[in-house]
Structure formats: C-alpha cells, structure tokens
PDB file of all heavy atoms in Angstrom:
ATOM      1  N   THR A   1     -42.945 -45.180  91.175  1.00  0.00           N
ATOM      2  CA  THR A   1     -43.913 -45.616  92.140  1.00  0.00           C
ATOM      3  C   THR A   1     -44.505 -46.996  91.737  1.00  0.00           C
ATOM      4  O   THR A   1     -45.115 -47.053  90.666  1.00  0.00           O
ATOM      5  CB  THR A   1     -45.020 -44.591  92.399  1.00  0.00           C
ATOM      6  OG1 THR A   1     -44.430 -43.432  92.930  1.00  0.00           O
ATOM      7  CG2 THR A   1     -46.033 -45.110  93.359  1.00  0.00           C
ATOM      8  N   ALA A   2     -44.390 -47.988  92.569  1.00  0.00           N
ATOM      9  CA  ALA A   2     -44.899 -49.315  92.254  1.00  0.00           C
ATOM     10  C   ALA A   2     -44.665 -50.218  93.453  1.00  0.00           C
ATOM     11  O   ALA A   2     -43.922 -49.849  94.433  1.00  0.00           O
ATOM     12  CB  ALA A   2     -44.178 -49.861  91.055  1.00  0.00           C
ATOM     13  N   VAL A   3     -45.219 -51.408  93.386  1.00  0.00           N
ATOM     14  CA  VAL A   3     -44.876 -52.463  94.281  1.00  0.00           C
ATOM     15  C   VAL A   3     -43.710 -53.176  93.657  1.00  0.00           C
ATOM     16  O   VAL A   3     -43.828 -53.627  92.466  1.00  0.00           O
ATOM     17  CB  VAL A   3     -46.041 -53.386  94.541  1.00  0.00           C
ATOM     18  CG1 VAL A   3     -45.591 -54.576  95.424  1.00  0.00           C
ATOM     19  CG2 VAL A   3     -47.199 -52.616  95.207  1.00  0.00           C
ATOM     20  N   TYR A   4     -42.622 -53.340  94.350  1.00  0.00           N
ATOM     21  CA  TYR A   4     -41.470 -54.020  93.856  1.00  0.00           C
ATOM     22  C   TYR A   4     -41.350 -55.421  94.389  1.00  0.00           C
ATOM     23  O   TYR A   4     -41.493 -55.650  95.579  1.00  0.00           O
ATOM     24  CB  TYR A   4     -40.217 -53.217  94.210  1.00  0.00           C
ATOM     25  CG  TYR A   4     -40.026 -51.985  93.350  1.00  0.00           C
ATOM     26  CD1 TYR A   4     -40.842 -50.870  93.530  1.00  0.00           C
ATOM     27  CD2 TYR A   4     -39.009 -51.928  92.358  1.00  0.00           C
ATOM     28  CE1 TYR A   4     -40.703 -49.723  92.747  1.00  0.00           C
ATOM     29  CE2 TYR A   4     -38.865 -50.779  91.599  1.00  0.00           C
ATOM     30  CZ  TYR A   4     -39.721 -49.706  91.751  1.00  0.00           C
ATOM     31  OH  TYR A   4     -39.574 -48.615  90.974  1.00  0.00           O
ATOM     32  N   TYR A   5     -41.097 -56.390  93.530  1.00  0.00           N
ATOM     33  CA  TYR A   5     -41.011 -57.770  93.873  1.00  0.00           C
ATOM     34  C   TYR A   5     -39.654 -58.355  93.483  1.00  0.00           C
ATOM     35  O   TYR A   5     -39.106 -57.949  92.502  1.00  0.00           O
ATOM     36  CB  TYR A   5     -42.051 -58.592  93.133  1.00  0.00           C
ATOM     37  CG  TYR A   5     -43.485 -58.169  93.295  1.00  0.00           C
ATOM     38  CD1 TYR A   5     -44.058 -57.171  92.498  1.00  0.00           C
ATOM     39  CD2 TYR A   5     -44.274 -58.771  94.285  1.00  0.00           C
ATOM     40  CE1 TYR A   5     -45.386 -56.793  92.680  1.00  0.00           C
ATOM     41  CE2 TYR A   5     -45.597 -58.431  94.442  1.00  0.00           C
ATOM     42  CZ  TYR A   5     -46.153 -57.441  93.636  1.00  0.00           C
ATOM     43  OH  TYR A   5     -47.452 -57.082  93.821  1.00  0.00           O
ATOM     44  N   CYS A   6     -39.142 -59.304  94.292  1.00  0.00           N
ATOM     45  CA  CYS A   6     -38.008 -60.050  93.914  1.00  0.00           C
ATOM     46  C   CYS A   6     -38.528 -61.438  93.554  1.00  0.00           C
ATOM     47  O   CYS A   6     -39.547 -61.921  94.045  1.00  0.00           O
ATOM     48  CB  CYS A   6     -36.893 -60.093  94.849  1.00  0.00           C
ATOM     49  SG  CYS A   6     -37.264 -60.885  96.463  1.00  0.00           S
ATOM     50  N   ALA A   7     -37.802 -62.073  92.658  1.00  0.00           N
ATOM     51  CA  ALA A   7     -38.199 -63.410  92.164  1.00  0.00           C
ATOM     52  C   ALA A   7     -36.986 -64.254  91.917  1.00  0.00           C
ATOM     53  O   ALA A   7     -35.925 -63.737  91.464  1.00  0.00           O
ATOM     54  CB  ALA A   7     -39.053 -63.296  90.905  1.00  0.00           C
ATOM     55  N   LYS A   8     -37.052 -65.518  92.160  1.00  0.00           N
ATOM     56  CA  LYS A   8     -35.913 -66.446  92.034  1.00  0.00           C
ATOM     57  C   LYS A   8     -36.104 -67.206  90.754  1.00  0.00           C
ATOM     58  O   LYS A   8     -37.154 -67.796  90.430  1.00  0.00           O
ATOM     59  CB  LYS A   8     -35.896 -67.395  93.202  1.00  0.00           C
ATOM     60  CG  LYS A   8     -34.755 -68.345  93.095  1.00  0.00           C
ATOM     61  CD  LYS A   8     -34.741 -69.376  94.250  1.00  0.00           C
ATOM     62  CE  LYS A   8     -35.791 -70.443  94.004  1.00  0.00           C
ATOM     63  NZ  LYS A   8     -35.479 -71.382  92.859  1.00  0.00           N
ATOM     64  N   LYS A   9     -35.002 -67.266  89.944  1.00  0.00           N
ATOM     65  CA  LYS A   9     -34.976 -68.106  88.716  1.00  0.00           C
ATOM     66  C   LYS A   9     -34.779 -69.550  89.164  1.00  0.00           C
ATOM     67  O   LYS A   9     -34.258 -69.826  90.213  1.00  0.00           O
ATOM     68  CB  LYS A   9     -33.811 -67.706  87.807  1.00  0.00           C
ATOM     69  CG  LYS A   9     -34.096 -66.602  86.836  1.00  0.00           C
ATOM     70  CD  LYS A   9     -34.683 -67.157  85.594  1.00  0.00           C
ATOM     71  CE  LYS A   9     -34.783 -66.098  84.491  1.00  0.00           C
ATOM     72  NZ  LYS A   9     -35.292 -66.654  83.229  1.00  0.00           N
ATOM     73  N   GLN A  10     -35.145 -70.440  88.257  1.00  0.00           N
ATOM     74  CA  GLN A  10     -34.900 -71.849  88.454  1.00  0.00           C
ATOM     75  C   GLN A  10     -33.420 -72.190  88.198  1.00  0.00           C
ATOM     76  O   GLN A  10     -32.977 -73.217  88.620  1.00  0.00           O
ATOM     77  CB  GLN A  10     -35.770 -72.694  87.535  1.00  0.00           C
ATOM     78  CG  GLN A  10     -37.248 -72.633  87.890  1.00  0.00           C
ATOM     79  CD  GLN A  10     -38.066 -73.462  86.884  1.00  0.00           C
ATOM     80  OE1 GLN A  10     -37.811 -73.439  85.673  1.00  0.00           O
ATOM     81  NE2 GLN A  10     -39.035 -74.155  87.419  1.00  0.00           N
ATOM     82  N   TYR A  11     -32.677 -71.230  87.607  1.00  0.00           N
ATOM     83  CA  TYR A  11     -31.309 -71.492  87.143  1.00  0.00           C
ATOM     84  C   TYR A  11     -30.392 -70.381  87.652  1.00  0.00           C
ATOM     85  O   TYR A  11     -30.805 -69.366  88.184  1.00  0.00           O
ATOM     86  CB  TYR A  11     -31.315 -71.633  85.619  1.00  0.00           C
ATOM     87  CG  TYR A  11     -32.343 -72.496  85.101  1.00  0.00           C
ATOM     88  CD1 TYR A  11     -33.472 -71.964  84.382  1.00  0.00           C
ATOM     89  CD2 TYR A  11     -32.404 -73.865  85.296  1.00  0.00           C
ATOM     90  CE1 TYR A  11     -34.475 -72.743  83.929  1.00  0.00           C
ATOM     91  CE2 TYR A  11     -33.375 -74.634  84.797  1.00  0.00           C
ATOM     92  CZ  TYR A  11     -34.433 -74.145  84.091  1.00  0.00           C
ATOM     93  OH  TYR A  11     -35.424 -74.939  83.613  1.00  0.00           O
ATOM     94  N   SER A  12     -29.119 -70.565  87.354  1.00  0.00           N
ATOM     95  CA  SER A  12     -28.099 -69.683  87.891  1.00  0.00           C
ATOM     96  C   SER A  12     -27.986 -68.363  87.032  1.00  0.00           C
ATOM     97  O   SER A  12     -27.443 -67.390  87.513  1.00  0.00           O
ATOM     98  CB  SER A  12     -26.793 -70.410  87.922  1.00  0.00           C
ATOM     99  OG  SER A  12     -26.342 -70.849  86.653  1.00  0.00           O
ATOM    100  N   MET A  13     -28.358 -68.476  85.773  1.00  0.00           N
ATOM    101  CA  MET A  13     -28.226 -67.272  84.874  1.00  0.00           C
ATOM    102  C   MET A  13     -29.624 -66.657  84.645  1.00  0.00           C
ATOM    103  O   MET A  13     -30.651 -67.312  84.803  1.00  0.00           O
ATOM    104  CB  MET A  13     -27.610 -67.734  83.581  1.00  0.00           C
ATOM    105  CG  MET A  13     -26.258 -68.408  83.707  1.00  0.00           C
ATOM    106  SD  MET A  13     -25.044 -67.261  84.494  1.00  0.00           S
ATOM    107  CE  MET A  13     -24.882 -65.988  83.229  1.00  0.00           C
ATOM    108  N   CYS A  14     -29.589 -65.361  84.323  1.00  0.00           N
ATOM    109  CA  CYS A  14     -30.830 -64.638  84.209  1.00  0.00           C
ATOM    110  C   CYS A  14     -31.705 -65.102  83.053  1.00  0.00           C
ATOM    111  O   CYS A  14     -32.899 -65.327  83.275  1.00  0.00           O
ATOM    112  CB  CYS A  14     -30.516 -63.164  84.096  1.00  0.00           C
ATOM    113  SG  CYS A  14     -29.927 -62.411  85.631  1.00  0.00           S
ATOM    114  N   GLY A  15     -31.141 -65.198  81.893  1.00  0.00           N
ATOM    115  CA  GLY A  15     -31.926 -65.631  80.703  1.00  0.00           C
ATOM    116  C   GLY A  15     -33.035 -64.634  80.376  1.00  0.00           C
ATOM    117  O   GLY A  15     -32.907 -63.454  80.749  1.00  0.00           O
ATOM    118  N   PRO A  16     -34.068 -65.131  79.726  1.00  0.00           N
ATOM    119  CA  PRO A  16     -35.153 -64.223  79.339  1.00  0.00           C
ATOM    120  C   PRO A  16     -36.010 -63.760  80.507  1.00  0.00           C
ATOM    121  O   PRO A  16     -36.020 -64.384  81.571  1.00  0.00           O
ATOM    122  CB  PRO A  16     -36.044 -65.092  78.400  1.00  0.00           C
ATOM    123  CG  PRO A  16     -35.259 -66.347  78.174  1.00  0.00           C
ATOM    124  CD  PRO A  16     -34.329 -66.505  79.293  1.00  0.00           C
ATOM    125  N   TRP A  17     -36.616 -62.565  80.298  1.00  0.00           N
ATOM    126  CA  TRP A  17     -37.508 -62.072  81.333  1.00  0.00           C
ATOM    127  C   TRP A  17     -38.828 -62.907  81.369  1.00  0.00           C
ATOM    128  O   TRP A  17     -39.270 -63.445  80.337  1.00  0.00           O
ATOM    129  CB  TRP A  17     -37.884 -60.601  81.015  1.00  0.00           C
ATOM    130  CG  TRP A  17     -36.756 -59.712  81.090  1.00  0.00           C
ATOM    131  CD1 TRP A  17     -36.274 -58.944  80.009  1.00  0.00           C
ATOM    132  CD2 TRP A  17     -35.978 -59.218  82.248  1.00  0.00           C
ATOM    133  NE1 TRP A  17     -35.197 -58.119  80.465  1.00  0.00           N
ATOM    134  CE2 TRP A  17     -35.058 -58.301  81.797  1.00  0.00           C
ATOM    135  CE3 TRP A  17     -36.054 -59.576  83.552  1.00  0.00           C
ATOM    136  CZ2 TRP A  17     -34.153 -57.678  82.658  1.00  0.00           C
ATOM    137  CZ3 TRP A  17     -35.117 -59.004  84.465  1.00  0.00           C
ATOM    138  CH2 TRP A  17     -34.216 -58.086  83.994  1.00  0.00           C
ATOM    139  N   ASP A  18     -39.422 -62.935  82.510  1.00  0.00           N
ATOM    140  CA  ASP A  18     -40.776 -63.500  82.746  1.00  0.00           C
ATOM    141  C   ASP A  18     -40.899 -64.981  82.404  1.00  0.00           C
ATOM    142  O   ASP A  18     -41.986 -65.449  82.098  1.00  0.00           O
ATOM    143  CB  ASP A  18     -41.761 -62.705  81.887  1.00  0.00           C
ATOM    144  CG  ASP A  18     -42.055 -61.345  82.453  1.00  0.00           C
ATOM    145  OD1 ASP A  18     -42.059 -61.183  83.717  1.00  0.00           O
ATOM    146  OD2 ASP A  18     -42.249 -60.376  81.690  1.00  0.00           O
ATOM    147  N   VAL A  19     -39.814 -65.693  82.491  1.00  0.00           N
ATOM    148  CA  VAL A  19     -39.875 -67.146  82.367  1.00  0.00           C
ATOM    149  C   VAL A  19     -38.995 -67.786  83.429  1.00  0.00           C
ATOM    150  O   VAL A  19     -37.986 -67.187  83.782  1.00  0.00           O
ATOM    151  CB  VAL A  19     -39.481 -67.660  80.956  1.00  0.00           C
ATOM    152  CG1 VAL A  19     -40.503 -67.209  79.886  1.00  0.00           C
ATOM    153  CG2 VAL A  19     -38.059 -67.234  80.596  1.00  0.00           C
ATOM    154  N   ASP A  20     -39.348 -68.940  83.899  1.00  0.00           N
ATOM    155  CA  ASP A  20     -38.540 -69.735  84.791  1.00  0.00           C
ATOM    156  C   ASP A  20     -38.303 -69.086  86.144  1.00  0.00           C
ATOM    157  O   ASP A  20     -37.231 -69.361  86.793  1.00  0.00           O
ATOM    158  CB  ASP A  20     -37.211 -70.107  84.148  1.00  0.00           C
ATOM    159  CG  ASP A  20     -37.403 -70.901  82.880  1.00  0.00           C
ATOM    160  OD1 ASP A  20     -38.293 -71.809  82.882  1.00  0.00           O
ATOM    161  OD2 ASP A  20     -36.666 -70.760  81.904  1.00  0.00           O
ATOM    162  N   PHE A  21     -39.185 -68.221  86.594  1.00  0.00           N
ATOM    163  CA  PHE A  21     -39.162 -67.756  87.956  1.00  0.00           C
ATOM    164  C   PHE A  21     -40.111 -68.565  88.738  1.00  0.00           C
ATOM    165  O   PHE A  21     -41.321 -68.516  88.490  1.00  0.00           O
ATOM    166  CB  PHE A  21     -39.515 -66.227  87.988  1.00  0.00           C
ATOM    167  CG  PHE A  21     -38.451 -65.367  87.438  1.00  0.00           C
ATOM    168  CD1 PHE A  21     -38.607 -64.880  86.115  1.00  0.00           C
ATOM    169  CD2 PHE A  21     -37.358 -64.967  88.191  1.00  0.00           C
ATOM    170  CE1 PHE A  21     -37.625 -64.023  85.628  1.00  0.00           C
ATOM    171  CE2 PHE A  21     -36.369 -64.148  87.664  1.00  0.00           C
ATOM    172  CZ  PHE A  21     -36.539 -63.643  86.381  1.00  0.00           C
ATOM    173  N   ASP A  22     -39.646 -69.273  89.700  1.00  0.00           N
ATOM    174  CA  ASP A  22     -40.490 -70.244  90.456  1.00  0.00           C
ATOM    175  C   ASP A  22     -40.932 -69.755  91.841  1.00  0.00           C
ATOM    176  O   ASP A  22     -41.758 -70.393  92.411  1.00  0.00           O
ATOM    177  CB  ASP A  22     -39.813 -71.597  90.502  1.00  0.00           C
ATOM    178  CG  ASP A  22     -38.459 -71.564  91.216  1.00  0.00           C
ATOM    179  OD1 ASP A  22     -38.100 -70.524  91.812  1.00  0.00           O
ATOM    180  OD2 ASP A  22     -37.779 -72.623  91.170  1.00  0.00           O
ATOM    181  N   THR A  23     -40.357 -68.692  92.289  1.00  0.00           N
ATOM    182  CA  THR A  23     -40.696 -68.175  93.645  1.00  0.00           C
ATOM    183  C   THR A  23     -40.717 -66.679  93.592  1.00  0.00           C
ATOM    184  O   THR A  23     -39.796 -66.018  93.067  1.00  0.00           O
ATOM    185  CB  THR A  23     -39.722 -68.632  94.740  1.00  0.00           C
ATOM    186  OG1 THR A  23     -39.563 -70.089  94.589  1.00  0.00           O
ATOM    187  CG2 THR A  23     -40.259 -68.285  96.071  1.00  0.00           C
ATOM    188  N   TRP A  24     -41.762 -66.100  94.203  1.00  0.00           N
ATOM    189  CA  TRP A  24     -41.924 -64.640  94.211  1.00  0.00           C
ATOM    190  C   TRP A  24     -42.171 -64.181  95.662  1.00  0.00           C
ATOM    191  O   TRP A  24     -42.809 -64.887  96.453  1.00  0.00           O
ATOM    192  CB  TRP A  24     -43.110 -64.185  93.372  1.00  0.00           C
ATOM    193  CG  TRP A  24     -42.899 -64.374  91.890  1.00  0.00           C
ATOM    194  CD1 TRP A  24     -42.994 -65.597  91.229  1.00  0.00           C
ATOM    195  CD2 TRP A  24     -42.613 -63.444  90.954  1.00  0.00           C
ATOM    196  NE1 TRP A  24     -42.762 -65.384  89.904  1.00  0.00           N
ATOM    197  CE2 TRP A  24     -42.532 -64.062  89.686  1.00  0.00           C
ATOM    198  CE3 TRP A  24     -42.443 -62.022  90.965  1.00  0.00           C
ATOM    199  CZ2 TRP A  24     -42.286 -63.405  88.508  1.00  0.00           C
ATOM    200  CZ3 TRP A  24     -42.209 -61.356  89.819  1.00  0.00           C
ATOM    201  CH2 TRP A  24     -42.132 -62.029  88.549  1.00  0.00           C
ATOM    202  N   GLY A  25     -41.664 -62.977  95.946  1.00  0.00           N
ATOM    203  CA  GLY A  25     -41.932 -62.383  97.247  1.00  0.00           C
ATOM    204  C   GLY A  25     -43.285 -61.717  97.289  1.00  0.00           C
ATOM    205  O   GLY A  25     -44.034 -61.679  96.256  1.00  0.00           O
ATOM    206  N   GLN A  26     -43.640 -61.152  98.389  1.00  0.00           N
ATOM    207  CA  GLN A  26     -44.970 -60.514  98.571  1.00  0.00           C
ATOM    208  C   GLN A  26     -44.967 -59.060  98.073  1.00  0.00           C
ATOM    209  O   GLN A  26     -46.068 -58.513  97.890  1.00  0.00           O
ATOM    210  CB  GLN A  26     -45.357 -60.537 100.029  1.00  0.00           C
ATOM    211  CG  GLN A  26     -44.807 -59.458 100.877  1.00  0.00           C
ATOM    212  CD  GLN A  26     -43.294 -59.518 101.149  1.00  0.00           C
ATOM    213  OE1 GLN A  26     -42.716 -60.582 100.994  1.00  0.00           O
ATOM    214  NE2 GLN A  26     -42.711 -58.405 101.542  1.00  0.00           N
ATOM    215  N   GLY A  27     -43.801 -58.473  97.846  1.00  0.00           N
ATOM    216  CA  GLY A  27     -43.715 -57.133  97.329  1.00  0.00           C
ATOM    217  C   GLY A  27     -43.484 -56.123  98.423  1.00  0.00           C
ATOM    218  O   GLY A  27     -43.936 -56.301  99.581  1.00  0.00           O
ATOM    219  N   THR A  28     -42.870 -55.007  98.059  1.00  0.00           N
ATOM    220  CA  THR A  28     -42.720 -53.882  98.947  1.00  0.00           C
ATOM    221  C   THR A  28     -43.013 -52.628  98.222  1.00  0.00           C
ATOM    222  O   THR A  28     -42.641 -52.423  97.047  1.00  0.00           O
ATOM    223  CB  THR A  28     -41.264 -53.855  99.562  1.00  0.00           C
ATOM    224  OG1 THR A  28     -41.120 -52.857 100.546  1.00  0.00           O
ATOM    225  CG2 THR A  28     -40.199 -53.656  98.476  1.00  0.00           C
ATOM    226  N   GLN A  29     -43.787 -51.758  98.869  1.00  0.00           N
ATOM    227  CA  GLN A  29     -44.303 -50.539  98.246  1.00  0.00           C
ATOM    228  C   GLN A  29     -43.255 -49.425  98.188  1.00  0.00           C
ATOM    229  O   GLN A  29     -42.692 -49.056  99.237  1.00  0.00           O
ATOM    230  CB  GLN A  29     -45.575 -50.089  98.965  1.00  0.00           C
ATOM    231  CG  GLN A  29     -46.144 -48.775  98.382  1.00  0.00           C
ATOM    232  CD  GLN A  29     -46.724 -48.972  97.042  1.00  0.00           C
ATOM    233  OE1 GLN A  29     -47.610 -49.868  96.849  1.00  0.00           O
ATOM    234  NE2 GLN A  29     -46.372 -48.093  96.087  1.00  0.00           N
ATOM    235  N   VAL A  30     -43.022 -48.890  96.996  1.00  0.00           N
ATOM    236  CA  VAL A  30     -42.225 -47.703  96.790  1.00  0.00           C
ATOM    237  C   VAL A  30     -43.076 -46.631  96.298  1.00  0.00           C
ATOM    238  O   VAL A  30     -43.732 -46.795  95.269  1.00  0.00           O
ATOM    239  CB  VAL A  30     -41.048 -47.989  95.848  1.00  0.00           C
ATOM    240  CG1 VAL A  30     -40.277 -46.718  95.532  1.00  0.00           C
ATOM    241  CG2 VAL A  30     -40.079 -49.020  96.435  1.00  0.00           C
ATOM    242  N   THR A  31     -43.135 -45.493  96.963  1.00  0.00           N
ATOM    243  CA  THR A  31     -43.895 -44.347  96.567  1.00  0.00           C
ATOM    244  C   THR A  31     -42.988 -43.194  96.477  1.00  0.00           C
ATOM    245  O   THR A  31     -42.307 -42.776  97.416  1.00  0.00           O
ATOM    246  CB  THR A  31     -45.080 -44.041  97.526  1.00  0.00           C
ATOM    247  OG1 THR A  31     -45.890 -45.206  97.640  1.00  0.00           O
ATOM    248  CG2 THR A  31     -45.874 -42.859  97.028  1.00  0.00           C
ATOM    249  N   VAL A  32     -42.940 -42.536  95.299  1.00  0.00           N
ATOM    250  CA  VAL A  32     -42.112 -41.352  95.066  1.00  0.00           C
ATOM    251  C   VAL A  32     -43.041 -40.184  94.832  1.00  0.00           C
ATOM    252  O   VAL A  32     -43.796 -40.134  93.812  1.00  0.00           O
ATOM    253  CB  VAL A  32     -41.189 -41.624  93.813  1.00  0.00           C
ATOM    254  CG1 VAL A  32     -40.243 -40.386  93.690  1.00  0.00           C
ATOM    255  CG2 VAL A  32     -40.406 -42.822  94.026  1.00  0.00           C
ATOM    256  N   SER A  33     -43.060 -39.275  95.717  1.00  0.00           N
ATOM    257  CA  SER A  33     -43.988 -38.192  95.726  1.00  0.00           C
ATOM    258  C   SER A  33     -43.460 -37.010  96.539  1.00  0.00           C
ATOM    259  O   SER A  33     -42.774 -37.237  97.554  1.00  0.00           O
ATOM    260  CB  SER A  33     -45.364 -38.619  96.234  1.00  0.00           C
ATOM    261  OG  SER A  33     -46.260 -37.541  96.279  1.00  0.00           O
TER     262      SER A  33
END
C-alpha cells in the first residue's frame, strides 16, 4: 500500500537510484486491504 510514482531519467540507462530523475508524475494510490 502506497502512492506509486513514475519518474523519467535524464539518460537512457537506469543507473543509480534516486539520482538524475528530472520529471515525476503525480502518483497513483494503491491500497491492498
């Protein structure tokens, strides 16, 4: 259960987490209950 976001890297490869993401969505709520 969380808000799930997608984010775009500045580059073509994934690389490290939490760096070089320049655009984020607003999120979509997933609730498991």
